């Protein structure tokens, strides 16, 4: 699921988890997945500031795998929080409530503007011109080469 890079993203992530898991898992598992997914999506929106995607997979073993991708190459860090800290507990929840979690390279590619077809390479810079139909379909933007990260977790019954 593609999520916006704003405050609606965690709410949409929770709704997506409910829809995807339906009655396949216990209420406890669905609630836990909902909570952890919204924490990772919130982290992506706040810290990466990029588009976010989320995948939810019910595995044959009965476990649920969730992957949240963003355009930032910076990996999240599990840290200790003080009692009165207002943030910083999301990864701690993921660490304590999931069976396992991790981070891997290869998240979303950031998008950059495309020059209209035509013109010289110097006028276009290093971004190649695209056919008009393709440029329109991509909203006038193409992926950069740099990729971000995927933060994932697994929850089981």
C-alpha atoms as a PDB file:
ATOM      1  CA  UNK A   1       0.000   0.000   0.000  1.00  0.00           C
ATOM      2  CA  UNK A   2       1.264   3.454  -0.870  1.00  0.00           C
ATOM      3  CA  UNK A   3       0.879   5.936   1.988  1.00  0.00           C
ATOM      4  CA  UNK A   4       1.077   9.730   2.031  1.00  0.00           C
ATOM      5  CA  UNK A   5       3.965  11.455   3.788  1.00  0.00           C
ATOM      6  CA  UNK A   6       1.696  13.190   6.292  1.00  0.00           C
ATOM      7  CA  UNK A   7      -0.256  12.574   9.494  1.00  0.00           C
ATOM      8  CA  UNK A   8      -2.912  10.468   7.715  1.00  0.00           C
ATOM      9  CA  UNK A   9      -0.395   7.692   7.021  1.00  0.00           C
ATOM     10  CA  UNK A  10      -0.573   5.850  10.397  1.00  0.00           C
ATOM     11  CA  UNK A  11      -4.398   5.848  10.347  1.00  0.00           C
ATOM     12  CA  UNK A  12      -4.404   4.488   6.796  1.00  0.00           C
ATOM     13  CA  UNK A  13      -1.810   1.878   7.757  1.00  0.00           C
ATOM     14  CA  UNK A  14      -3.990   0.633  10.617  1.00  0.00           C
ATOM     15  CA  UNK A  15      -7.037   0.404   8.360  1.00  0.00           C
ATOM     16  CA  UNK A  16      -4.992  -1.497   5.756  1.00  0.00           C
ATOM     17  CA  UNK A  17      -3.842  -4.018   8.382  1.00  0.00           C
ATOM     18  CA  UNK A  18      -7.442  -4.598   9.531  1.00  0.00           C
ATOM     19  CA  UNK A  19      -8.556  -5.123   5.934  1.00  0.00           C
ATOM     20  CA  UNK A  20      -5.669  -7.411   4.986  1.00  0.00           C
ATOM     21  CA  UNK A  21      -5.785  -9.601   8.073  1.00  0.00           C
ATOM     22  CA  UNK A  22      -9.569  -9.738   8.397  1.00  0.00           C
ATOM     23  CA  UNK A  23     -10.564 -12.811  10.374  1.00  0.00           C
ATOM     24  CA  UNK A  24      -7.402 -14.777   9.492  1.00  0.00           C
ATOM     25  CA  UNK A  25      -5.742 -14.022  12.834  1.00  0.00           C
ATOM     26  CA  UNK A  26      -6.754 -13.528  16.437  1.00  0.00           C
ATOM     27  CA  UNK A  27      -7.807 -10.094  17.645  1.00  0.00           C
ATOM     28  CA  UNK A  28      -4.622  -9.968  19.741  1.00  0.00           C
ATOM     29  CA  UNK A  29      -2.407 -10.523  16.691  1.00  0.00           C
ATOM     30  CA  UNK A  30      -4.331  -8.017  14.567  1.00  0.00           C
ATOM     31  CA  UNK A  31      -4.115  -5.390  17.323  1.00  0.00           C
ATOM     32  CA  UNK A  32      -0.380  -5.981  17.757  1.00  0.00           C
ATOM     33  CA  UNK A  33       0.280  -5.779  14.013  1.00  0.00           C
ATOM     34  CA  UNK A  34      -1.830  -2.618  13.771  1.00  0.00           C
ATOM     35  CA  UNK A  35       0.098  -0.943  16.584  1.00  0.00           C
ATOM     36  CA  UNK A  36       3.542  -1.876  15.289  1.00  0.00           C
ATOM     37  CA  UNK A  37       2.735  -1.013  11.676  1.00  0.00           C
ATOM     38  CA  UNK A  38       1.475   2.430  12.674  1.00  0.00           C
ATOM     39  CA  UNK A  39       4.641   2.991  14.751  1.00  0.00           C
ATOM     40  CA  UNK A  40       6.919   2.170  11.804  1.00  0.00           C
ATOM     41  CA  UNK A  41       4.844   4.271   9.413  1.00  0.00           C
ATOM     42  CA  UNK A  42       4.944   7.186  11.840  1.00  0.00           C
ATOM     43  CA  UNK A  43       8.740   6.852  12.060  1.00  0.00           C
ATOM     44  CA  UNK A  44       9.001   6.834   8.267  1.00  0.00           C
ATOM     45  CA  UNK A  45       6.833   9.940   7.885  1.00  0.00           C
ATOM     46  CA  UNK A  46       8.570  11.868  10.675  1.00  0.00           C
ATOM     47  CA  UNK A  47      12.180  10.891  10.017  1.00  0.00           C
ATOM     48  CA  UNK A  48      12.365  10.063   6.298  1.00  0.00           C
ATOM     49  CA  UNK A  49       9.959  12.705   5.039  1.00  0.00           C
ATOM     50  CA  UNK A  50       9.374  10.641   1.916  1.00  0.00           C
ATOM     51  CA  UNK A  51       6.613   8.607   0.390  1.00  0.00           C
ATOM     52  CA  UNK A  52       6.000   5.419   2.395  1.00  0.00           C
ATOM     53  CA  UNK A  53       4.796   1.994   1.307  1.00  0.00           C
ATOM     54  CA  UNK A  54       3.680  -0.892   3.477  1.00  0.00           C
ATOM     55  CA  UNK A  55       3.146  -4.572   2.712  1.00  0.00           C
ATOM     56  CA  UNK A  56       1.326  -7.018   4.995  1.00  0.00           C
ATOM     57  CA  UNK A  57       1.766 -10.740   4.337  1.00  0.00           C
ATOM     58  CA  UNK A  58       0.072 -13.627   6.147  1.00  0.00           C
ATOM     59  CA  UNK A  59       2.645 -16.404   6.018  1.00  0.00           C
ATOM     60  CA  UNK A  60       1.883 -20.126   5.761  1.00  0.00           C
ATOM     61  CA  UNK A  61       3.324 -20.612   9.261  1.00  0.00           C
ATOM     62  CA  UNK A  62       0.582 -18.372  10.682  1.00  0.00           C
ATOM     63  CA  UNK A  63       2.944 -15.446  11.236  1.00  0.00           C
ATOM     64  CA  UNK A  64       2.353 -11.956   9.832  1.00  0.00           C
ATOM     65  CA  UNK A  65       5.194 -10.118   8.082  1.00  0.00           C
ATOM     66  CA  UNK A  66       4.990  -6.333   7.700  1.00  0.00           C
ATOM     67  CA  UNK A  67       7.445  -4.280   5.631  1.00  0.00           C
ATOM     68  CA  UNK A  68       7.528  -0.476   5.680  1.00  0.00           C
ATOM     69  CA  UNK A  69       9.674   1.168   3.004  1.00  0.00           C
ATOM     70  CA  UNK A  70      10.732   4.784   2.678  1.00  0.00           C
ATOM     71  CA  UNK A  71      13.238   6.827   0.703  1.00  0.00           C
ATOM     72  CA  UNK A  72      15.735   7.524   3.482  1.00  0.00           C
ATOM     73  CA  UNK A  73      18.930   5.469   3.698  1.00  0.00           C
ATOM     74  CA  UNK A  74      19.201   6.257   7.445  1.00  0.00           C
ATOM     75  CA  UNK A  75      18.445   3.196   9.566  1.00  0.00           C
ATOM     76  CA  UNK A  76      16.338   3.571  12.713  1.00  0.00           C
ATOM     77  CA  UNK A  77      18.133   3.075  16.008  1.00  0.00           C
ATOM     78  CA  UNK A  78      16.685   1.359  19.059  1.00  0.00           C
ATOM     79  CA  UNK A  79      17.365   3.680  21.984  1.00  0.00           C
ATOM     80  CA  UNK A  80      16.559   3.918  25.637  1.00  0.00           C
ATOM     81  CA  UNK A  81      13.988   6.510  26.626  1.00  0.00           C
ATOM     82  CA  UNK A  82      13.443   8.376  29.838  1.00  0.00           C
ATOM     83  CA  UNK A  83      10.108   8.269  31.646  1.00  0.00           C
ATOM     84  CA  UNK A  84       9.071  11.761  30.516  1.00  0.00           C
ATOM     85  CA  UNK A  85      10.303  11.516  26.889  1.00  0.00           C
ATOM     86  CA  UNK A  86       7.489  12.350  24.485  1.00  0.00           C
ATOM     87  CA  UNK A  87       8.794  10.162  21.662  1.00  0.00           C
ATOM     88  CA  UNK A  88      11.282   7.421  20.906  1.00  0.00           C
ATOM     89  CA  UNK A  89       9.351   4.350  21.987  1.00  0.00           C
ATOM     90  CA  UNK A  90       8.191   3.044  18.603  1.00  0.00           C
ATOM     91  CA  UNK A  91      11.153   0.760  17.908  1.00  0.00           C
ATOM     92  CA  UNK A  92      11.153  -0.378  21.520  1.00  0.00           C
ATOM     93  CA  UNK A  93       7.561  -1.554  21.028  1.00  0.00           C
ATOM     94  CA  UNK A  94       8.529  -3.290  17.775  1.00  0.00           C
ATOM     95  CA  UNK A  95      11.459  -4.958  19.542  1.00  0.00           C
ATOM     96  CA  UNK A  96       9.359  -6.178  22.479  1.00  0.00           C
ATOM     97  CA  UNK A  97       6.114  -7.138  20.697  1.00  0.00           C
ATOM     98  CA  UNK A  98       7.400  -8.804  17.536  1.00  0.00           C
ATOM     99  CA  UNK A  99       9.031 -12.197  17.097  1.00  0.00           C
ATOM    100  CA  UNK A 100      11.796 -10.551  15.076  1.00  0.00           C
ATOM    101  CA  UNK A 101      12.483  -7.340  13.194  1.00  0.00           C
ATOM    102  CA  UNK A 102      15.183  -5.761  11.080  1.00  0.00           C
ATOM    103  CA  UNK A 103      16.208  -3.274   8.430  1.00  0.00           C
ATOM    104  CA  UNK A 104      17.428  -3.893   4.902  1.00  0.00           C
ATOM    105  CA  UNK A 105      18.524  -1.710   2.033  1.00  0.00           C
ATOM    106  CA  UNK A 106      16.335  -1.175  -0.982  1.00  0.00           C
ATOM    107  CA  UNK A 107      13.385   0.931   0.043  1.00  0.00           C
ATOM    108  CA  UNK A 108      11.689   3.448  -2.169  1.00  0.00           C
ATOM    109  CA  UNK A 109      13.486   5.363  -4.826  1.00  0.00           C
ATOM    110  CA  UNK A 110      13.146   9.088  -4.471  1.00  0.00           C
ATOM    111  CA  UNK A 111      11.541  10.881  -7.391  1.00  0.00           C
ATOM    112  CA  UNK A 112      13.001  13.830  -9.237  1.00  0.00           C
ATOM    113  CA  UNK A 113      11.554  16.101 -11.948  1.00  0.00           C
ATOM    114  CA  UNK A 114      11.876  15.051 -15.563  1.00  0.00           C
ATOM    115  CA  UNK A 115      12.830  17.422 -18.330  1.00  0.00           C
ATOM    116  CA  UNK A 116      10.390  17.527 -21.206  1.00  0.00           C
ATOM    117  CA  UNK A 117      11.449  15.522 -24.243  1.00  0.00           C
ATOM    118  CA  UNK A 118      13.802  17.350 -26.510  1.00  0.00           C
ATOM    119  CA  UNK A 119      16.569  19.818 -25.767  1.00  0.00           C
ATOM    120  CA  UNK A 120      20.220  19.036 -25.307  1.00  0.00           C
ATOM    121  CA  UNK A 121      21.771  16.892 -22.599  1.00  0.00           C
ATOM    122  CA  UNK A 122      23.100  20.074 -21.003  1.00  0.00           C
ATOM    123  CA  UNK A 123      19.591  21.554 -20.930  1.00  0.00           C
ATOM    124  CA  UNK A 124      18.224  18.342 -19.445  1.00  0.00           C
ATOM    125  CA  UNK A 125      21.113  17.850 -17.024  1.00  0.00           C
ATOM    126  CA  UNK A 126      21.684  14.225 -16.110  1.00  0.00           C
ATOM    127  CA  UNK A 127      17.969  13.382 -16.142  1.00  0.00           C
ATOM    128  CA  UNK A 128      16.994  11.752 -19.421  1.00  0.00           C
ATOM    129  CA  UNK A 129      13.995  12.966 -21.357  1.00  0.00           C
ATOM    130  CA  UNK A 130      11.033  10.597 -21.325  1.00  0.00           C
ATOM    131  CA  UNK A 131       8.367  10.065 -23.939  1.00  0.00           C
ATOM    132  CA  UNK A 132       5.448  12.395 -23.198  1.00  0.00           C
ATOM    133  CA  UNK A 133       3.009   9.563 -22.363  1.00  0.00           C
ATOM    134  CA  UNK A 134       5.425   7.968 -19.893  1.00  0.00           C
ATOM    135  CA  UNK A 135       6.328  11.322 -18.310  1.00  0.00           C
ATOM    136  CA  UNK A 136       2.598  12.055 -17.876  1.00  0.00           C
ATOM    137  CA  UNK A 137       1.975   8.623 -16.329  1.00  0.00           C
ATOM    138  CA  UNK A 138       4.802   9.225 -13.837  1.00  0.00           C
ATOM    139  CA  UNK A 139       3.521  12.696 -13.024  1.00  0.00           C
ATOM    140  CA  UNK A 140       6.591  14.260 -14.597  1.00  0.00           C
ATOM    141  CA  UNK A 141       8.933  12.502 -12.153  1.00  0.00           C
ATOM    142  CA  UNK A 142      11.377   9.590 -12.384  1.00  0.00           C
ATOM    143  CA  UNK A 143      13.213   7.531  -9.751  1.00  0.00           C
ATOM    144  CA  UNK A 144      16.696   8.628  -8.682  1.00  0.00           C
ATOM    145  CA  UNK A 145      19.316   5.946  -8.301  1.00  0.00           C
ATOM    146  CA  UNK A 146      19.616   6.217  -4.519  1.00  0.00           C
ATOM    147  CA  UNK A 147      17.338   3.864  -2.632  1.00  0.00           C
ATOM    148  CA  UNK A 148      16.081   3.941   0.902  1.00  0.00           C
ATOM    149  CA  UNK A 149      15.400   1.208   3.404  1.00  0.00           C
ATOM    150  CA  UNK A 150      12.794  -1.330   4.439  1.00  0.00           C
ATOM    151  CA  UNK A 151      12.038  -1.823   8.136  1.00  0.00           C
ATOM    152  CA  UNK A 152      10.229  -5.094   8.755  1.00  0.00           C
ATOM    153  CA  UNK A 153       8.806  -7.124  11.616  1.00  0.00           C
ATOM    154  CA  UNK A 154       7.159 -10.499  12.099  1.00  0.00           C
ATOM    155  CA  UNK A 155       4.394 -11.303  14.607  1.00  0.00           C
ATOM    156  CA  UNK A 156       3.022 -14.765  15.271  1.00  0.00           C
ATOM    157  CA  UNK A 157       0.097 -16.231  17.198  1.00  0.00           C
END
